C-alpha atoms as a PDB file:
ATOM      1  CA  MET A   1     -30.469  -2.055  18.205  1.00  0.00           C
ATOM      2  CA  GLU A   2     -33.334   0.338  18.994  1.00  0.00           C
ATOM      3  CA  PRO A   3     -36.789  -1.164  18.328  1.00  0.00           C
ATOM      4  CA  GLU A   4     -38.346   0.431  15.269  1.00  0.00           C
ATOM      5  CA  SER A   5     -42.029   0.180  16.113  1.00  0.00           C
ATOM      6  CA  THR A   6     -44.423  -0.239  18.976  1.00  0.00           C
ATOM      7  CA  ILE A   7     -45.902  -3.474  20.203  1.00  0.00           C
ATOM      8  CA  GLY A   8     -49.260  -4.555  21.569  1.00  0.00           C
ATOM      9  CA  ASP A   9     -50.079  -5.760  25.057  1.00  0.00           C
ATOM     10  CA  GLN A  10     -49.708  -9.468  24.262  1.00  0.00           C
ATOM     11  CA  GLU A  11     -46.430  -8.889  22.424  1.00  0.00           C
ATOM     12  CA  LEU A  12     -45.133  -6.875  25.380  1.00  0.00           C
ATOM     13  CA  ALA A  13     -46.111  -9.703  27.732  1.00  0.00           C
ATOM     14  CA  LEU A  14     -44.269 -12.228  25.545  1.00  0.00           C
ATOM     15  CA  VAL A  15     -41.073 -10.210  25.197  1.00  0.00           C
ATOM     16  CA  ARG A  16     -41.088  -9.552  28.976  1.00  0.00           C
ATOM     17  CA  HIS A  17     -41.592 -13.284  29.556  1.00  0.00           C
ATOM     18  CA  ILE A  18     -38.517 -14.017  27.447  1.00  0.00           C
ATOM     19  CA  ALA A  19     -36.516 -11.177  29.050  1.00  0.00           C
ATOM     20  CA  ASP A  20     -37.300 -12.512  32.530  1.00  0.00           C
ATOM     21  CA  ARG A  21     -36.020 -15.978  31.567  1.00  0.00           C
ATOM     22  CA  GLY A  22     -32.913 -14.858  29.685  1.00  0.00           C
ATOM     23  CA  SER A  23     -33.824 -16.785  26.553  1.00  0.00           C
ATOM     24  CA  ALA A  24     -36.436 -19.174  25.198  1.00  0.00           C
ATOM     25  CA  SER A  25     -37.021 -21.478  22.282  1.00  0.00           C
ATOM     26  CA  VAL A  26     -40.382 -21.401  20.543  1.00  0.00           C
ATOM     27  CA  ALA A  27     -41.331 -24.679  22.270  1.00  0.00           C
ATOM     28  CA  GLU A  28     -40.485 -23.230  25.700  1.00  0.00           C
ATOM     29  CA  ALA A  29     -42.407 -20.032  24.971  1.00  0.00           C
ATOM     30  CA  VAL A  30     -45.440 -22.071  23.879  1.00  0.00           C
ATOM     31  CA  ASP A  31     -45.294 -24.233  27.019  1.00  0.00           C
ATOM     32  CA  GLU A  32     -44.587 -21.438  29.504  1.00  0.00           C
ATOM     33  CA  PHE A  33     -46.436 -18.506  27.901  1.00  0.00           C
ATOM     34  CA  GLY A  34     -48.763 -19.579  25.128  1.00  0.00           C
ATOM     35  CA  SER A  35     -50.514 -22.561  26.679  1.00  0.00           C
ATOM     36  CA  SER A  36     -52.053 -20.625  29.560  1.00  0.00           C
ATOM     37  CA  ARG A  37     -53.325 -18.023  27.065  1.00  0.00           C
ATOM     38  CA  GLY A  38     -54.711 -20.554  24.599  1.00  0.00           C
ATOM     39  CA  LEU A  39     -52.190 -19.605  21.900  1.00  0.00           C
ATOM     40  CA  ALA A  40     -51.226 -22.116  19.232  1.00  0.00           C
ATOM     41  CA  ARG A  41     -47.567 -22.813  18.467  1.00  0.00           C
ATOM     42  CA  SER A  42     -47.909 -21.053  15.114  1.00  0.00           C
ATOM     43  CA  THR A  43     -49.252 -17.923  16.833  1.00  0.00           C
ATOM     44  CA  VAL A  44     -46.385 -17.813  19.347  1.00  0.00           C
ATOM     45  CA  LEU A  45     -43.844 -18.363  16.555  1.00  0.00           C
ATOM     46  CA  THR A  46     -45.428 -15.584  14.482  1.00  0.00           C
ATOM     47  CA  MET A  47     -45.329 -13.226  17.471  1.00  0.00           C
ATOM     48  CA  MET A  48     -41.693 -14.054  18.218  1.00  0.00           C
ATOM     49  CA  GLU A  49     -40.646 -13.508  14.619  1.00  0.00           C
ATOM     50  CA  ARG A  50     -42.614 -10.250  14.458  1.00  0.00           C
ATOM     51  CA  LEU A  51     -40.881  -9.086  17.646  1.00  0.00           C
ATOM     52  CA  ARG A  52     -37.508 -10.061  16.167  1.00  0.00           C
ATOM     53  CA  LYS A  53     -38.186  -8.085  12.982  1.00  0.00           C
ATOM     54  CA  LYS A  54     -39.284  -5.082  15.065  1.00  0.00           C
ATOM     55  CA  GLY A  55     -36.005  -5.235  17.018  1.00  0.00           C
ATOM     56  CA  TYR A  56     -37.363  -6.420  20.381  1.00  0.00           C
ATOM     57  CA  LEU A  57     -35.917  -9.954  20.156  1.00  0.00           C
ATOM     58  CA  SER A  58     -32.790 -11.474  18.691  1.00  0.00           C
ATOM     59  CA  ARG A  59     -32.260 -15.139  17.931  1.00  0.00           C
ATOM     60  CA  GLN A  60     -29.324 -17.501  17.726  1.00  0.00           C
ATOM     61  CA  LEU A  61     -29.117 -21.077  16.524  1.00  0.00           C
ATOM     62  CA  ALA A  62     -27.951 -23.413  19.305  1.00  0.00           C
ATOM     63  CA  ASP A  63     -27.931 -27.189  18.897  1.00  0.00           C
ATOM     64  CA  GLY A  64     -30.294 -26.967  15.923  1.00  0.00           C
ATOM     65  CA  VAL A  65     -32.883 -24.817  17.782  1.00  0.00           C
ATOM     66  CA  PHE A  66     -33.350 -21.065  17.638  1.00  0.00           C
ATOM     67  CA  ARG A  67     -33.055 -19.391  21.051  1.00  0.00           C
ATOM     68  CA  TYR A  68     -34.656 -15.973  21.331  1.00  0.00           C
ATOM     69  CA  ARG A  69     -33.382 -13.245  23.659  1.00  0.00           C
ATOM     70  CA  ALA A  70     -34.924  -9.904  24.519  1.00  0.00           C
ATOM     71  CA  CYS A  71     -32.895  -6.898  23.407  1.00  0.00           C
ATOM     72  CA  ALA A  72     -33.844  -4.999  26.589  1.00  0.00           C
ATOM     73  CA  SER A  73     -34.590  -5.869  30.198  1.00  0.00           C
ATOM     74  CA  SER A  74     -38.134  -6.324  31.404  1.00  0.00           C
ATOM     75  CA  ALA A  75     -37.822  -3.104  33.447  1.00  0.00           C
ATOM     76  CA  ASP A  76     -36.664  -1.129  30.400  1.00  0.00           C
ATOM     77  CA  LEU A  77     -39.510  -2.547  28.316  1.00  0.00           C
ATOM     78  CA  LEU A  78     -42.046  -1.370  30.900  1.00  0.00           C
ATOM     79  CA  LYS A  79     -40.381   2.039  31.197  1.00  0.00           C
ATOM     80  CA  ASN A  80     -40.585   2.498  27.425  1.00  0.00           C
ATOM     81  CA  ALA A  81     -44.223   1.337  27.354  1.00  0.00           C
ATOM     82  CA  VAL A  82     -45.136   3.917  30.011  1.00  0.00           C
ATOM     83  CA  GLN A  83     -43.219   6.604  28.131  1.00  0.00           C
ATOM     84  CA  ARG A  84     -45.110   5.799  24.901  1.00  0.00           C
ATOM     85  CA  PHE A  85     -48.421   5.835  26.799  1.00  0.00           C
ATOM     86  CA  VAL A  86     -47.700   9.243  28.333  1.00  0.00           C
ATOM     87  CA  GLU A  87     -46.571  10.688  24.990  1.00  0.00           C
ATOM     88  CA  ARG A  88     -49.435   9.293  22.900  1.00  0.00           C
ATOM     89  CA  SER A  89     -52.369   9.127  25.275  1.00  0.00           C
ATOM     90  CA  LEU A  90     -51.649  11.997  27.660  1.00  0.00           C
ATOM     91  CA  ASP A  91     -50.025  14.449  25.218  1.00  0.00           C
ATOM     92  CA  GLY A  92     -46.729  14.119  27.084  1.00  0.00           C
ATOM     93  CA  SER A  93     -48.123  15.287  30.427  1.00  0.00           C
ATOM     94  CA  VAL A  94     -47.626  13.069  33.458  1.00  0.00           C
ATOM     95  CA  SER A  95     -50.110  15.103  35.535  1.00  0.00           C
ATOM     96  CA  PRO A  96     -53.166  12.911  34.698  1.00  0.00           C
ATOM     97  CA  PHE A  97     -51.105   9.810  35.460  1.00  0.00           C
ATOM     98  CA  LEU A  98     -49.955  11.228  38.795  1.00  0.00           C
ATOM     99  CA  ALA A  99     -53.529  12.270  39.649  1.00  0.00           C
ATOM    100  CA  TYR A 100     -54.625   8.697  39.014  1.00  0.00           C
ATOM    101  CA  LEU A 101     -51.842   7.326  41.234  1.00  0.00           C
ATOM    102  CA  SER A 102     -52.689   9.742  44.039  1.00  0.00           C
ATOM    103  CA  GLU A 103     -56.225   8.327  44.173  1.00  0.00           C
ATOM    104  CA  ALA A 104     -55.360   4.659  43.648  1.00  0.00           C
ATOM    105  CA  PRO A 105     -56.229   2.874  46.898  1.00  0.00           C
ATOM    106  CA  GLU A 106     -54.633  -0.385  45.791  1.00  0.00           C
ATOM    107  CA  LEU A 107     -51.055   0.931  45.887  1.00  0.00           C
ATOM    108  CA  SER A 108     -48.984  -1.189  48.232  1.00  0.00           C
ATOM    109  CA  ASP A 109     -46.654   0.275  50.829  1.00  0.00           C
ATOM    110  CA  ARG A 110     -43.723  -0.814  48.650  1.00  0.00           C
ATOM    111  CA  GLU A 111     -45.176   0.988  45.609  1.00  0.00           C
ATOM    112  CA  ARG A 112     -45.769   4.142  47.637  1.00  0.00           C
ATOM    113  CA  GLN A 113     -42.179   4.025  48.913  1.00  0.00           C
ATOM    114  CA  GLU A 114     -40.930   3.642  45.340  1.00  0.00           C
ATOM    115  CA  LEU A 115     -42.961   6.699  44.303  1.00  0.00           C
ATOM    116  CA  GLU A 116     -41.419   8.650  47.178  1.00  0.00           C
ATOM    117  CA  ARG A 117     -37.919   7.625  46.002  1.00  0.00           C
ATOM    118  CA  ILE A 118     -38.762   8.753  42.462  1.00  0.00           C
ATOM    119  CA  VAL A 119     -39.996  12.141  43.692  1.00  0.00           C
ATOM    120  CA  ALA A 120     -36.823  12.522  45.792  1.00  0.00           C
ATOM    121  CA  ARG A 121     -34.677  11.794  42.701  1.00  0.00           C
ATOM    122  CA  LEU A 122     -36.674  14.329  40.666  1.00  0.00           C
ATOM    123  CA  ASP A 123     -36.226  16.946  43.407  1.00  0.00           C
ATOM    124  CA  ALA A 124     -32.476  16.283  43.565  1.00  0.00           C
ATOM    125  CA  ALA A 125     -32.133  16.505  39.782  1.00  0.00           C
ATOM    126  CA  GLN A 126     -34.110  19.755  39.701  1.00  0.00           C
ATOM    127  CA  ARG A 127     -31.918  21.281  42.441  1.00  0.00           C
ATOM    128  CA  LYS A 128     -28.803  20.407  40.400  1.00  0.00           C
ATOM    129  CA  GLU A 129     -30.257  22.131  37.301  1.00  0.00           C
ATOM    130  CA  GLY A 130     -31.414  25.213  39.217  1.00  0.00           C
END
């Protein structure tokens, strides 16, 4: 099921938290996610149900407790969030984003290597098309 609407930063953090763990009950999400953020149980439950209705989470009853699962991996959630940001905030152009990255001194060696791999994949794909 494709999610039908966007989500905020805190919702994205919660759905990624659940995706990274495989599944979570409301109690587990409150203990592991909500407590450190000062969120009440009712707030976490409301967020989880909102995310379920938007298509980001599913739930299944197991031993009398609902277990929530993310409908996408954490990596896919981040990829989609970046795509939405580029489309909405940068008018679909990645150039400002790349300019920012080229000047970001806090990029680790691993992050720089990943960027180089991405550029190599883009070059290979462009050669195939050309």
